[in-house]
C-alpha cells in the first residue's frame, strides 16, 4: 500500500504522540519515585507533561534541556524523513522509538523548564 506524504505525517504524528504519551506515564512514575522529596502529584504531572508534549518536542530540538530528550526528538525527525524518502512505513518504527525515548526523559526536562 502506497502512502502519501500526508498519510506519513499523520501516522508519524499520531504514533509519535501515543508513544511519547505512554513513555511519559512511565517517566513521571519513575522520576516521582526517584525524587520522593519533591512530593509530586503523579496524575497532575502526567496530564501537564502530556499536554506540553508537542511544544516540548519542538523545544527540545533546539534547546537541549536533557540530552536523551533532544536525541529522541532528532531520531524521530530522521526516521520520518527516511520513511518519506523510501516511501515505506518501516522507518517510522525508528521514529516511534525516538519518541518513546523522548517521553521517558521529557518529564525531567519539563520540570527543569518550569522551575526556571
Protein backbone atom coordinates (compact mmCIF):
# COMPACT_ATOMS: atom_id res chain seq x y z
CA UNK A 1 0.00 0.00 0.00
CA UNK A 2 1.45 3.34 -1.05
CA UNK A 3 1.47 6.13 1.49
CA UNK A 4 1.23 9.80 0.62
CA UNK A 5 3.31 12.38 2.49
CA UNK A 6 0.15 13.47 4.29
CA UNK A 7 -0.52 9.92 5.44
CA UNK A 8 3.11 9.55 6.57
CA UNK A 9 2.86 12.81 8.52
CA UNK A 10 -0.42 11.80 10.16
CA UNK A 11 0.91 8.35 11.07
CA UNK A 12 4.11 9.90 12.40
CA UNK A 13 2.26 12.48 14.50
CA UNK A 14 -0.34 10.12 15.97
CA UNK A 15 2.07 7.23 16.53
CA UNK A 16 4.74 9.51 17.95
CA UNK A 17 2.31 11.19 20.30
CA UNK A 18 0.94 7.87 21.56
CA UNK A 19 4.45 6.51 22.01
CA UNK A 20 5.55 9.65 23.86
CA UNK A 21 2.39 9.64 25.99
CA UNK A 22 2.92 6.05 27.11
CA UNK A 23 6.55 6.67 27.98
CA UNK A 24 5.68 9.95 29.73
CA UNK A 25 3.47 7.99 32.12
CA UNK A 26 6.38 5.64 32.83
CA UNK A 27 8.79 8.57 33.16
CA UNK A 28 6.61 10.51 35.60
CA UNK A 29 6.14 7.45 37.80
CA UNK A 30 9.86 6.70 37.73
CA UNK A 31 11.02 10.26 38.45
CA UNK A 32 8.41 10.72 41.20
CA UNK A 33 9.68 7.53 42.85
CA UNK A 34 13.33 8.59 42.49
CA UNK A 35 12.71 12.11 43.81
CA UNK A 36 10.36 11.34 46.69
CA UNK A 37 11.35 14.58 48.47
CA UNK A 38 9.68 16.57 45.67
CA UNK A 39 6.23 15.22 46.67
CA UNK A 40 4.97 15.10 43.08
CA UNK A 41 1.28 14.65 42.34
CA UNK A 42 1.61 11.93 39.71
CA UNK A 43 -1.76 12.35 37.95
CA UNK A 44 -1.50 16.11 37.52
CA UNK A 45 2.11 15.82 36.32
CA UNK A 46 1.13 13.19 33.75
CA UNK A 47 -1.61 15.50 32.48
CA UNK A 48 0.64 18.58 32.40
CA UNK A 49 3.53 16.76 30.75
CA UNK A 50 1.22 15.19 28.17
CA UNK A 51 -0.38 18.49 27.23
CA UNK A 52 3.06 20.03 26.71
CA UNK A 53 4.46 17.09 24.69
CA UNK A 54 4.24 18.64 21.18
CA UNK A 55 5.59 22.00 22.33
CA UNK A 56 8.30 20.33 24.38
CA UNK A 57 9.27 18.12 21.47
CA UNK A 58 9.86 21.20 19.31
CA UNK A 59 11.60 22.98 22.18
CA UNK A 60 13.96 20.05 22.80
CA UNK A 61 15.02 20.10 19.15
CA UNK A 62 16.77 23.42 19.65
CA UNK A 63 17.41 23.72 23.40
CA UNK A 64 18.93 20.62 24.98
CA UNK A 65 17.22 20.52 28.37
CA UNK A 66 18.21 16.89 28.56
CA UNK A 67 20.42 15.11 26.05
CA UNK A 68 18.22 11.97 25.76
CA UNK A 69 15.15 14.12 25.05
CA UNK A 70 16.99 16.06 22.36
CA UNK A 71 18.37 12.88 20.77
CA UNK A 72 14.95 11.23 20.84
CA UNK A 73 13.39 14.20 19.06
CA UNK A 74 16.10 14.20 16.39
CA UNK A 75 15.86 10.42 15.87
CA UNK A 76 12.14 10.90 15.37
CA UNK A 77 12.74 13.50 12.64
CA UNK A 78 15.37 11.34 10.94
CA UNK A 79 13.00 8.35 10.93
CA UNK A 80 10.23 10.45 9.40
CA UNK A 81 12.45 11.86 6.64
CA UNK A 82 13.85 8.41 5.93
CA UNK A 83 10.34 6.94 5.68
CA UNK A 84 9.25 9.68 3.27
CA UNK A 85 12.31 9.17 1.07
CA UNK A 86 11.92 5.39 0.94
CA UNK A 87 8.11 5.64 0.70
CA UNK A 88 7.99 2.84 3.24
CA UNK A 89 6.35 2.73 6.65
CA UNK A 90 9.08 0.68 8.38
CA UNK A 91 11.48 3.58 9.17
CA UNK A 92 8.64 5.18 11.17
CA UNK A 93 9.23 2.49 13.80
CA UNK A 94 12.63 4.11 14.43
CA UNK A 95 10.78 7.40 14.76
CA UNK A 96 8.37 5.91 17.29
CA UNK A 97 11.32 4.54 19.30
CA UNK A 98 12.82 8.04 19.32
CA UNK A 99 9.52 9.45 20.57
CA UNK A 100 9.42 6.79 23.28
CA UNK A 101 12.92 7.76 24.47
CA UNK A 102 11.92 11.43 24.33
CA UNK A 103 8.87 10.74 26.50
CA UNK A 104 10.89 8.92 29.14
CA UNK A 105 13.08 11.94 29.75
CA UNK A 106 10.57 14.68 28.93
CA UNK A 107 9.09 14.96 32.48
CA UNK A 108 12.52 15.80 33.91
CA UNK A 109 13.15 18.35 31.15
CA UNK A 110 9.65 19.77 31.69
CA UNK A 111 10.23 20.22 35.40
CA UNK A 112 13.60 21.85 34.67
CA UNK A 113 11.97 24.23 32.20
CA UNK A 114 9.14 25.11 34.59
CA UNK A 115 11.49 25.78 37.51
CA UNK A 116 13.48 28.45 35.62
